[in-house]
PDB file of N, CA and C in Angstrom:
ATOM      1  N   MET A   1      14.317  -3.386 -16.918  1.00  0.00           N
ATOM      2  CA  MET A   1      15.456  -2.704 -16.441  1.00  0.00           C
ATOM      3  C   MET A   1      16.929  -3.024 -17.443  1.00  0.00           C
ATOM      4  N   ALA A   2      17.198  -4.136 -18.011  1.00  0.00           N
ATOM      5  CA  ALA A   2      17.590  -4.741 -18.766  1.00  0.00           C
ATOM      6  C   ALA A   2      17.846  -3.706 -20.102  1.00  0.00           C
ATOM      7  N   GLY A   3      16.505  -3.545 -20.439  1.00  0.00           N
ATOM      8  CA  GLY A   3      16.704  -3.033 -21.916  1.00  0.00           C
ATOM      9  C   GLY A   3      17.067  -1.313 -21.583  1.00  0.00           C
ATOM     10  N   ILE A   4      16.785  -1.025 -20.643  1.00  0.00           N
ATOM     11  CA  ILE A   4      17.184   0.709 -20.820  1.00  0.00           C
ATOM     12  C   ILE A   4      18.484   0.431 -20.373  1.00  0.00           C
ATOM     13  N   ALA A   5      19.174  -0.443 -19.428  1.00  0.00           N
ATOM     14  CA  ALA A   5      20.804  -0.360 -18.617  1.00  0.00           C
ATOM     15  C   ALA A   5      21.644  -0.893 -20.584  1.00  0.00           C
ATOM     16  N   SER A   6      21.079  -1.608 -21.069  1.00  0.00           N
ATOM     17  CA  SER A   6      21.575  -1.991 -22.412  1.00  0.00           C
ATOM     18  C   SER A   6      21.888  -1.199 -23.665  1.00  0.00           C
ATOM     19  N   VAL A   7      21.575   0.087 -23.303  1.00  0.00           N
ATOM     20  CA  VAL A   7      21.558   1.118 -24.447  1.00  0.00           C
ATOM     21  C   VAL A   7      22.740   2.337 -24.193  1.00  0.00           C
ATOM     22  N   SER A   8      22.870   1.882 -22.756  1.00  0.00           N
ATOM     23  CA  SER A   8      23.894   3.257 -22.288  1.00  0.00           C
ATOM     24  C   SER A   8      25.194   2.690 -22.197  1.00  0.00           C
ATOM     25  N   ALA A   9      26.052   3.858 -22.166  1.00  0.00           N
ATOM     26  CA  ALA A   9      27.292   3.841 -22.814  1.00  0.00           C
ATOM     27  C   ALA A   9      27.887   2.105 -21.894  1.00  0.00           C
ATOM     28  N   GLU A  10      27.914   2.037 -20.596  1.00  0.00           N
ATOM     29  CA  GLU A  10      28.108   1.573 -19.965  1.00  0.00           C
ATOM     30  C   GLU A  10      26.484   0.079 -19.397  1.00  0.00           C
ATOM     31  N   PRO A  11      26.730  -0.831 -20.053  1.00  0.00           N
ATOM     32  CA  PRO A  11      25.563  -1.023 -19.653  1.00  0.00           C
ATOM     33  C   PRO A  11      25.642  -2.059 -18.226  1.00  0.00           C
ATOM     34  N   ARG A  12      27.080  -2.850 -17.742  1.00  0.00           N
ATOM     35  CA  ARG A  12      26.275  -3.390 -16.662  1.00  0.00           C
ATOM     36  C   ARG A  12      26.570  -1.927 -15.257  1.00  0.00           C
ATOM     37  N   ALA A  13      27.641  -0.813 -15.159  1.00  0.00           N
ATOM     38  CA  ALA A  13      27.200   0.268 -14.537  1.00  0.00           C
ATOM     39  C   ALA A  13      25.522   0.416 -14.121  1.00  0.00           C
ATOM     40  N   GLY A  14      25.468   0.720 -15.925  1.00  0.00           N
ATOM     41  CA  GLY A  14      24.047   1.031 -15.488  1.00  0.00           C
ATOM     42  C   GLY A  14      22.782   0.370 -14.985  1.00  0.00           C
ATOM     43  N   ALA A  15      23.105  -0.735 -15.283  1.00  0.00           N
ATOM     44  CA  ALA A  15      22.308  -2.140 -14.579  1.00  0.00           C
ATOM     45  C   ALA A  15      22.261  -1.839 -13.276  1.00  0.00           C
ATOM     46  N   ARG A  16      23.588  -1.407 -12.388  1.00  0.00           N
ATOM     47  CA  ARG A  16      23.715  -1.603 -11.148  1.00  0.00           C
ATOM     48  C   ARG A  16      22.807  -0.410 -10.451  1.00  0.00           C
ATOM     49  N   LYS A  17      23.126   0.480 -11.201  1.00  0.00           N
ATOM     50  CA  LYS A  17      22.718   1.785 -10.809  1.00  0.00           C
ATOM     51  C   LYS A  17      20.844   1.986 -10.919  1.00  0.00           C
ATOM     52  N   LEU A  18      20.666   1.212 -11.784  1.00  0.00           N
ATOM     53  CA  LEU A  18      19.530   1.100 -12.087  1.00  0.00           C
ATOM     54  C   LEU A  18      18.176   0.383 -10.748  1.00  0.00           C
ATOM     55  N   LEU A  19      19.273  -0.699 -10.708  1.00  0.00           N
ATOM     56  CA  LEU A  19      18.685  -1.841  -9.440  1.00  0.00           C
ATOM     57  C   LEU A  19      18.867  -0.888  -8.189  1.00  0.00           C
ATOM     58  N   GLU A  20      20.093   0.029  -8.300  1.00  0.00           N
ATOM     59  CA  GLU A  20      20.219   0.654  -7.079  1.00  0.00           C
ATOM     60  C   GLU A  20      19.141   1.238  -6.619  1.00  0.00           C
ATOM     61  N   ASN A  21      18.626   2.112  -7.609  1.00  0.00           N
ATOM     62  CA  ASN A  21      17.664   3.081  -7.554  1.00  0.00           C
ATOM     63  C   ASN A  21      16.217   2.214  -7.431  1.00  0.00           C
ATOM     64  N   PHE A  22      16.368   1.504  -8.198  1.00  0.00           N
ATOM     65  CA  PHE A  22      14.440   0.777  -7.705  1.00  0.00           C
ATOM     66  C   PHE A  22      14.387   0.161  -6.801  1.00  0.00           C
ATOM     67  N   GLU A  23      15.511  -0.575  -5.813  1.00  0.00           N
ATOM     68  CA  GLU A  23      15.809  -1.235  -4.139  1.00  0.00           C
ATOM     69  C   GLU A  23      15.225   0.815  -3.670  1.00  0.00           C
ATOM     70  N   ALA A  24      16.049   1.440  -3.913  1.00  0.00           N
ATOM     71  CA  ALA A  24      15.830   2.617  -3.048  1.00  0.00           C
ATOM     72  C   ALA A  24      14.314   3.159  -3.375  1.00  0.00           C
ATOM     73  N   VAL A  25      14.083   3.333  -4.251  1.00  0.00           N
ATOM     74  CA  VAL A  25      12.699   3.979  -4.328  1.00  0.00           C
ATOM     75  C   VAL A  25      11.115   2.456  -3.872  1.00  0.00           C
ATOM     76  N   LEU A  26      11.676   1.293  -3.916  1.00  0.00           N
ATOM     77  CA  LEU A  26      10.990   0.553  -3.572  1.00  0.00           C
ATOM     78  C   LEU A  26      10.586   0.366  -2.259  1.00  0.00           C
ATOM     79  N   ASP A  27      11.701   0.526  -1.829  1.00  0.00           N
ATOM     80  CA  ASP A  27      12.027   0.713   0.458  1.00  0.00           C
ATOM     81  C   ASP A  27      10.860   1.835  -0.130  1.00  0.00           C
ATOM     82  N   LEU A  28      10.838   3.329  -0.025  1.00  0.00           N
ATOM     83  CA  LEU A  28      10.249   3.776  -0.090  1.00  0.00           C
ATOM     84  C   LEU A  28       9.103   4.303  -0.424  1.00  0.00           C
ATOM     85  N   ALA A  29       8.439   3.620  -1.243  1.00  0.00           N
ATOM     86  CA  ALA A  29       7.415   3.748  -1.718  1.00  0.00           C
ATOM     87  C   ALA A  29       6.366   2.435  -0.870  1.00  0.00           C
ATOM     88  N   LYS A  30       6.970   1.505  -0.522  1.00  0.00           N
ATOM     89  CA  LYS A  30       6.174   0.044  -0.190  1.00  0.00           C
ATOM     90  C   LYS A  30       5.517   0.874   1.092  1.00  0.00           C
ATOM     91  N   LYS A  31       6.015   1.475   2.082  1.00  0.00           N
ATOM     92  CA  LYS A  31       5.409   2.124   3.211  1.00  0.00           C
ATOM     93  C   LYS A  31       4.196   2.714   3.332  1.00  0.00           C
ATOM     94  N   THR A  32       4.065   3.864   1.726  1.00  0.00           N
ATOM     95  CA  THR A  32       2.861   4.263   1.549  1.00  0.00           C
ATOM     96  C   THR A  32       1.754   3.731   0.694  1.00  0.00           C
ATOM     97  N   HIS A  33       2.320   3.039  -0.125  1.00  0.00           N
ATOM     98  CA  HIS A  33       1.848   2.784  -1.901  1.00  0.00           C
ATOM     99  C   HIS A  33       2.009   1.266  -1.529  1.00  0.00           C
ATOM    100  N   PRO A  34       1.659   0.480  -0.903  1.00  0.00           N
ATOM    101  CA  PRO A  34       2.779  -0.846  -1.187  1.00  0.00           C
ATOM    102  C   PRO A  34       1.936  -1.380  -2.735  1.00  0.00           C
ATOM    103  N   SER A  35       0.941  -1.104  -3.165  1.00  0.00           N
ATOM    104  CA  SER A  35       0.091  -2.269  -3.979  1.00  0.00           C
ATOM    105  C   SER A  35       0.603  -1.448  -5.455  1.00  0.00           C
ATOM    106  N   VAL A  36       1.416  -0.418  -5.610  1.00  0.00           N
ATOM    107  CA  VAL A  36       1.910   0.088  -6.736  1.00  0.00           C
ATOM    108  C   VAL A  36       3.406   0.404  -6.668  1.00  0.00           C
ATOM    109  N   ALA A  37       3.766   0.173  -5.496  1.00  0.00           N
ATOM    110  CA  ALA A  37       4.664   0.149  -5.235  1.00  0.00           C
ATOM    111  C   ALA A  37       6.132  -0.147  -6.652  1.00  0.00           C
ATOM    112  N   ARG A  38       6.026  -1.389  -6.966  1.00  0.00           N
ATOM    113  CA  ARG A  38       6.904  -1.693  -7.573  1.00  0.00           C
ATOM    114  C   ARG A  38       6.679  -1.092  -8.947  1.00  0.00           C
ATOM    115  N   SER A  39       5.484  -0.332  -9.472  1.00  0.00           N
ATOM    116  CA  SER A  39       5.294  -0.127 -10.862  1.00  0.00           C
ATOM    117  C   SER A  39       6.177   1.860 -10.614  1.00  0.00           C
ATOM    118  N   ILE A  40       5.748   1.988  -9.615  1.00  0.00           N
ATOM    119  CA  ILE A  40       6.457   3.389  -9.139  1.00  0.00           C
ATOM    120  C   ILE A  40       7.715   3.890  -9.084  1.00  0.00           C
ATOM    121  N   ALA A  41       8.059   2.546  -8.142  1.00  0.00           N
ATOM    122  CA  ALA A  41      10.144   2.033  -8.327  1.00  0.00           C
ATOM    123  C   ALA A  41      10.520   1.998  -9.332  1.00  0.00           C
ATOM    124  N   LEU A  42       9.962   1.637 -10.740  1.00  0.00           N
ATOM    125  CA  LEU A  42      10.390   0.880 -12.404  1.00  0.00           C
ATOM    126  C   LEU A  42      10.141   2.648 -13.022  1.00  0.00           C
ATOM    127  N   SER A  43       8.986   3.111 -12.478  1.00  0.00           N
ATOM    128  CA  SER A  43       9.246   4.741 -13.280  1.00  0.00           C
ATOM    129  C   SER A  43      10.429   5.464 -12.769  1.00  0.00           C
ATOM    130  N   ALA A  44      10.159   5.279 -11.224  1.00  0.00           N
ATOM    131  CA  ALA A  44      11.046   6.215 -10.998  1.00  0.00           C
ATOM    132  C   ALA A  44      12.735   6.311 -11.263  1.00  0.00           C
ATOM    133  N   CYS A  45      13.002   4.822 -11.322  1.00  0.00           N
ATOM    134  CA  CYS A  45      14.848   4.395 -11.075  1.00  0.00           C
ATOM    135  C   CYS A  45      14.805   4.632 -12.523  1.00  0.00           C
ATOM    136  N   ARG A  46      14.280   5.676 -13.648  1.00  0.00           N
ATOM    137  CA  ARG A  46      15.442   5.762 -14.367  1.00  0.00           C
ATOM    138  C   ARG A  46      15.491   7.921 -14.167  1.00  0.00           C
ATOM    139  N   ALA A  47      14.896   7.977 -13.558  1.00  0.00           N
ATOM    140  CA  ALA A  47      15.132   9.372 -13.107  1.00  0.00           C
ATOM    141  C   ALA A  47      16.469  10.373 -12.413  1.00  0.00           C
ATOM    142  N   SER A  48      16.725  10.888 -12.631  1.00  0.00           N
ATOM    143  CA  SER A  48      18.162  12.059 -12.421  1.00  0.00           C
ATOM    144  C   SER A  48      18.466  12.109 -10.416  1.00  0.00           C
ATOM    145  N   ASP A  49      17.051  11.642  -9.769  1.00  0.00           N
ATOM    146  CA  ASP A  49      16.817  11.957  -8.695  1.00  0.00           C
ATOM    147  C   ASP A  49      15.628  11.064  -8.056  1.00  0.00           C
ATOM    148  N   PRO A  50      15.874   9.756  -8.855  1.00  0.00           N
ATOM    149  CA  PRO A  50      14.510   8.936  -8.104  1.00  0.00           C
ATOM    150  C   PRO A  50      13.513   8.949  -6.891  1.00  0.00           C
ATOM    151  N   LEU A  51      14.745   9.389  -5.738  1.00  0.00           N
ATOM    152  CA  LEU A  51      13.542   9.536  -4.673  1.00  0.00           C
ATOM    153  C   LEU A  51      12.613  10.659  -4.886  1.00  0.00           C
ATOM    154  N   VAL A  52      12.687  11.708  -5.719  1.00  0.00           N
ATOM    155  CA  VAL A  52      12.189  12.880  -5.573  1.00  0.00           C
ATOM    156  C   VAL A  52      11.067  12.446  -6.365  1.00  0.00           C
ATOM    157  N   SER A  53      11.199  12.169  -7.263  1.00  0.00           N
ATOM    158  CA  SER A  53      10.491  11.180  -8.536  1.00  0.00           C
ATOM    159  C   SER A  53       9.718  10.506  -7.963  1.00  0.00           C
ATOM    160  N   ALA A  54       9.649   9.610  -7.496  1.00  0.00           N
ATOM    161  CA  ALA A  54       8.913   8.718  -6.425  1.00  0.00           C
ATOM    162  C   ALA A  54       8.095   9.127  -5.423  1.00  0.00           C
ATOM    163  N   ARG A  55       8.212  10.735  -5.106  1.00  0.00           N
ATOM    164  CA  ARG A  55       7.671  11.491  -4.083  1.00  0.00           C
ATOM    165  C   ARG A  55       6.133  11.988  -5.339  1.00  0.00           C
ATOM    166  N   VAL A  56       6.844  12.532  -6.317  1.00  0.00           N
ATOM    167  CA  VAL A  56       5.968  13.187  -6.935  1.00  0.00           C
ATOM    168  C   VAL A  56       4.836  12.241  -7.983  1.00  0.00           C
ATOM    169  N   TYR A  57       5.517  11.165  -8.073  1.00  0.00           N
ATOM    170  CA  TYR A  57       4.101  10.139  -8.416  1.00  0.00           C
ATOM    171  C   TYR A  57       3.536   9.431  -7.747  1.00  0.00           C
ATOM    172  N   MET A  58       3.972   9.338  -5.662  1.00  0.00           N
ATOM    173  CA  MET A  58       2.792   8.965  -5.194  1.00  0.00           C
ATOM    174  C   MET A  58       2.305   9.980  -5.010  1.00  0.00           C
ATOM    175  N   ARG A  59       2.072  11.471  -5.299  1.00  0.00           N
ATOM    176  CA  ARG A  59       1.350  12.681  -4.586  1.00  0.00           C
ATOM    177  C   ARG A  59       0.344  12.817  -6.094  1.00  0.00           C
ATOM    178  N   TYR A  60       0.960  12.164  -7.331  1.00  0.00           N
ATOM    179  CA  TYR A  60      -0.322  11.818  -8.399  1.00  0.00           C
ATOM    180  C   TYR A  60      -0.971  10.884  -8.130  1.00  0.00           C
ATOM    181  N   TYR A  61      -0.556   9.741  -7.740  1.00  0.00           N
ATOM    182  CA  TYR A  61      -1.252   8.394  -7.729  1.00  0.00           C
ATOM    183  C   TYR A  61      -2.356   8.947  -6.233  1.00  0.00           C
ATOM    184  N   ASP A  62      -2.149   9.546  -5.592  1.00  0.00           N
ATOM    185  CA  ASP A  62      -2.978  10.127  -4.151  1.00  0.00           C
ATOM    186  C   ASP A  62      -4.004  11.025  -4.915  1.00  0.00           C
ATOM    187  N   GLN A  63      -3.884  12.259  -5.380  1.00  0.00           N
ATOM    188  CA  GLN A  63      -4.084  12.961  -6.448  1.00  0.00           C
ATOM    189  C   GLN A  63      -5.636  12.321  -7.344  1.00  0.00           C
ATOM    190  N   ILE A  64      -4.898  11.356  -7.949  1.00  0.00           N
ATOM    191  CA  ILE A  64      -5.739  11.237  -9.513  1.00  0.00           C
ATOM    192  C   ILE A  64      -6.691  10.220  -8.266  1.00  0.00           C
ATOM    193  N   VAL A  65      -6.722   9.181  -7.104  1.00  0.00           N
ATOM    194  CA  VAL A  65      -7.973   8.197  -6.612  1.00  0.00           C
ATOM    195  C   VAL A  65      -8.760   9.249  -6.175  1.00  0.00           C
ATOM    196  N   LYS A  66      -7.999  10.380  -5.363  1.00  0.00           N
ATOM    197  CA  LYS A  66      -9.475  11.190  -4.739  1.00  0.00           C
ATOM    198  C   LYS A  66      -9.981  11.620  -5.566  1.00  0.00           C
ATOM    199  N   THR A  67      -9.200  12.197  -6.541  1.00  0.00           N
ATOM    200  CA  THR A  67     -10.082  12.865  -7.948  1.00  0.00           C
ATOM    201  C   THR A  67     -11.571  11.842  -8.701  1.00  0.00           C
ATOM    202  N   LEU A  68     -10.917  11.237  -9.099  1.00  0.00           N
ATOM    203  CA  LEU A  68     -11.967   9.802  -9.748  1.00  0.00           C
ATOM    204  C   LEU A  68     -12.836   9.323  -8.752  1.00  0.00           C
ATOM    205  N   SER A  69     -11.995   9.101  -7.796  1.00  0.00           N
ATOM    206  CA  SER A  69     -12.843   8.282  -6.377  1.00  0.00           C
ATOM    207  C   SER A  69     -14.209   9.330  -6.077  1.00  0.00           C
ATOM    208  N   ARG A  70     -14.562  10.195  -6.469  1.00  0.00           N
ATOM    209  CA  ARG A  70     -15.981  11.531  -7.002  1.00  0.00           C
ATOM    210  C   ARG A  70     -17.038  10.391  -8.198  1.00  0.00           C
ATOM    211  N   THR A  71     -16.069  10.151  -9.252  1.00  0.00           N
ATOM    212  CA  THR A  71     -17.070   9.917 -10.296  1.00  0.00           C
ATOM    213  C   THR A  71     -17.018   8.235 -10.598  1.00  0.00           C
ATOM    214  N   ASP A  72     -16.010   7.333 -10.289  1.00  0.00           N
ATOM    215  CA  ASP A  72     -15.879   5.949 -10.162  1.00  0.00           C
ATOM    216  C   ASP A  72     -14.874   5.192  -9.324  1.00  0.00           C
ATOM    217  N   ALA A  73     -15.573   5.369  -7.879  1.00  0.00           N
ATOM    218  CA  ALA A  73     -14.483   4.501  -7.025  1.00  0.00           C
ATOM    219  C   ALA A  73     -14.151   3.140  -7.250  1.00  0.00           C
ATOM    220  N   ARG A  74     -14.674   2.679  -7.935  1.00  0.00           N
ATOM    221  CA  ARG A  74     -14.554   1.137  -8.243  1.00  0.00           C
ATOM    222  C   ARG A  74     -12.978   0.943  -9.197  1.00  0.00           C
ATOM    223  N   ARG A  75     -13.090   2.317  -9.909  1.00  0.00           N
ATOM    224  CA  ARG A  75     -11.676   2.247 -10.984  1.00  0.00           C
ATOM    225  C   ARG A  75     -10.949   3.307 -10.319  1.00  0.00           C
ATOM    226  N   ALA A  76     -10.931   3.584  -9.743  1.00  0.00           N
ATOM    227  CA  ALA A  76      -9.696   5.127  -9.467  1.00  0.00           C
ATOM    228  C   ALA A  76      -8.375   4.333  -9.152  1.00  0.00           C
ATOM    229  N   HIS A  77      -8.085   3.581  -7.982  1.00  0.00           N
ATOM    230  CA  HIS A  77      -6.827   2.957  -8.169  1.00  0.00           C
ATOM    231  C   HIS A  77      -6.339   2.448  -9.148  1.00  0.00           C
ATOM    232  N   ARG A  78      -7.176   1.449  -9.900  1.00  0.00           N
ATOM    233  CA  ARG A  78      -6.761   1.156 -11.165  1.00  0.00           C
ATOM    234  C   ARG A  78      -5.953   2.175 -12.192  1.00  0.00           C
ATOM    235  N   VAL A  79      -7.209   3.207 -12.477  1.00  0.00           N
ATOM    236  CA  VAL A  79      -6.611   3.826 -13.130  1.00  0.00           C
ATOM    237  C   VAL A  79      -5.184   4.922 -12.713  1.00  0.00           C
ATOM    238  N   ALA A  80      -5.395   4.849 -11.113  1.00  0.00           N
ATOM    239  CA  ALA A  80      -3.733   5.370 -10.769  1.00  0.00           C
ATOM    240  C   ALA A  80      -3.051   5.412 -11.052  1.00  0.00           C
ATOM    241  N   ALA A  81      -2.728   3.806 -11.053  1.00  0.00           N
ATOM    242  CA  ALA A  81      -1.539   2.599 -11.248  1.00  0.00           C
ATOM    243  C   ALA A  81      -0.992   2.871 -12.252  1.00  0.00           C
ATOM    244  N   GLN A  82      -1.901   3.670 -13.280  1.00  0.00           N
ATOM    245  CA  GLN A  82      -1.208   3.772 -14.809  1.00  0.00           C
ATOM    246  C   GLN A  82      -0.817   5.258 -15.229  1.00  0.00           C
ATOM    247  N   ALA A  83      -1.544   5.950 -14.576  1.00  0.00           N
ATOM    248  CA  ALA A  83      -1.528   7.601 -15.032  1.00  0.00           C
ATOM    249  C   ALA A  83      -0.330   7.817 -14.368  1.00  0.00           C
ATOM    250  N   PHE A  84       0.240   7.619 -13.162  1.00  0.00           N
ATOM    251  CA  PHE A  84       1.876   8.998 -13.375  1.00  0.00           C
ATOM    252  C   PHE A  84       3.437   8.460 -14.093  1.00  0.00           C
ATOM    253  N   ARG A  85       2.765   7.383 -15.233  1.00  0.00           N
ATOM    254  CA  ARG A  85       3.799   7.091 -16.223  1.00  0.00           C
ATOM    255  C   ARG A  85       3.205   8.219 -17.124  1.00  0.00           C
ATOM    256  N   THR A  86       3.475   8.877 -17.116  1.00  0.00           N
ATOM    257  CA  THR A  86       3.248  10.215 -18.153  1.00  0.00           C
ATOM    258  C   THR A  86       3.527  10.951 -17.905  1.00  0.00           C
ATOM    259  N   ASN A  87       3.460  12.579 -18.950  1.00  0.00           N
ATOM    260  CA  ASN A  87       3.789  13.915 -18.565  1.00  0.00           C
ATOM    261  C   ASN A  87       2.663  14.600 -17.923  1.00  0.00           C
ATOM    262  N   ASN A  88       1.766  13.923 -17.963  1.00  0.00           N
ATOM    263  CA  ASN A  88       0.376  14.520 -17.181  1.00  0.00           C
ATOM    264  C   ASN A  88      -0.852  13.840 -16.627  1.00  0.00           C
ATOM    265  N   PRO A  89      -0.345  13.462 -15.399  1.00  0.00           N
ATOM    266  CA  PRO A  89      -1.098  12.237 -15.114  1.00  0.00           C
ATOM    267  C   PRO A  89      -2.923  12.671 -15.229  1.00  0.00           C
ATOM    268  N   MET A  90      -2.982  13.316 -14.744  1.00  0.00           N
ATOM    269  CA  MET A  90      -4.414  13.466 -14.592  1.00  0.00           C
ATOM    270  C   MET A  90      -5.100  13.783 -15.635  1.00  0.00           C
ATOM    271  N   ARG A  91      -4.704  14.332 -16.863  1.00  0.00           N
ATOM    272  CA  ARG A  91      -5.229  14.584 -17.898  1.00  0.00           C
ATOM    273  C   ARG A  91      -5.330  12.918 -18.906  1.00  0.00           C
ATOM    274  N   TRP A  92      -4.058  12.192 -18.382  1.00  0.00           N
ATOM    275  CA  TRP A  92      -3.881  10.570 -19.100  1.00  0.00           C
ATOM    276  C   TRP A  92      -5.264   9.686 -18.082  1.00  0.00           C
ATOM    277  N   ALA A  93      -5.010  10.640 -17.063  1.00  0.00           N
ATOM    278  CA  ALA A  93      -6.206   9.217 -16.424  1.00  0.00           C
ATOM    279  C   ALA A  93      -7.630   9.934 -16.388  1.00  0.00           C
ATOM    280  N   LYS A  94      -8.397  10.922 -16.688  1.00  0.00           N
ATOM    281  CA  LYS A  94      -9.227  11.113 -16.948  1.00  0.00           C
ATOM    282  C   LYS A  94      -9.901  10.718 -18.531  1.00  0.00           C
ATOM    283  N   ARG A  95      -8.854  10.739 -19.136  1.00  0.00           N
ATOM    284  CA  ARG A  95      -8.956  10.193 -20.689  1.00  0.00           C
ATOM    285  C   ARG A  95      -9.356   8.622 -20.390  1.00  0.00           C
ATOM    286  N   TYR A  96      -8.115   7.709 -19.552  1.00  0.00           N
ATOM    287  CA  TYR A  96      -8.353   6.692 -19.357  1.00  0.00           C
ATOM    288  C   TYR A  96      -9.532   5.990 -18.732  1.00  0.00           C
ATOM    289  N   LEU A  97      -9.983   6.883 -18.373  1.00  0.00           N
ATOM    290  CA  LEU A  97     -11.361   6.585 -17.119  1.00  0.00           C
ATOM    291  C   LEU A  97     -12.280   6.541 -18.197  1.00  0.00           C
ATOM    292  N   ALA A  98     -12.769   7.522 -18.972  1.00  0.00           N
ATOM    293  CA  ALA A  98     -13.794   7.241 -19.840  1.00  0.00           C
ATOM    294  C   ALA A  98     -13.530   6.084 -20.733  1.00  0.00           C
ATOM    295  N   GLU A  99     -12.632   6.285 -21.566  1.00  0.00           N
ATOM    296  CA  GLU A  99     -12.097   4.371 -22.604  1.00  0.00           C
ATOM    297  C   GLU A  99     -13.063   3.377 -21.187  1.00  0.00           C
ATOM    298  N   LEU A 100     -12.609   3.345 -20.088  1.00  0.00           N
ATOM    299  CA  LEU A 100     -12.602   2.221 -19.271  1.00  0.00           C
ATOM    300  C   LEU A 100     -14.741   2.091 -19.600  1.00  0.00           C
ATOM    301  N   GLN A 101     -15.039   3.318 -18.778  1.00  0.00           N
ATOM    302  CA  GLN A 101     -16.309   3.736 -19.165  1.00  0.00           C
ATOM    303  C   GLN A 101     -16.915   3.181 -20.265  1.00  0.00           C
ATOM    304  N   GLU A 102     -16.711   3.564 -21.079  1.00  0.00           N
ATOM    305  CA  GLU A 102     -17.226   3.329 -22.229  1.00  0.00           C
ATOM    306  C   GLU A 102     -17.677   1.826 -22.855  1.00  0.00           C
ATOM    307  N   ALA A 103     -15.785   1.229 -22.451  1.00  0.00           N
ATOM    308  CA  ALA A 103     -15.767  -0.266 -22.663  1.00  0.00           C
ATOM    309  C   ALA A 103     -16.760  -0.910 -21.863  1.00  0.00           C
ATOM    310  N   GLY A 104     -17.391  -0.688 -20.964  1.00  0.00           N
ATOM    311  CA  GLY A 104     -18.372  -1.277 -19.702  1.00  0.00           C
ATOM    312  C   GLY A 104     -17.293  -1.484 -18.471  1.00  0.00           C
TER     313      GLY A 104
END
């Protein structure tokens, strides 16, 4: 967050806003997605509407876990925890899962 805030016009104000957003999203995400709440909060805190973004990320996470559990339940949560950080989470998740399966 410090790196993000440091490039804003007002770094201290930016840092405070990011931290407020992070804490709000973390509180929301902990209720239903405690294992990935911090990752969701970090990704969503930069959005113009962090709470809306967090809800979208949590839906992506759930959808990816559900889909990937059919083929690789052991890795579904691991893959989903990374995938929501992209603009096309499902495509990224499928590609990442394929790479994991190739690696063993």
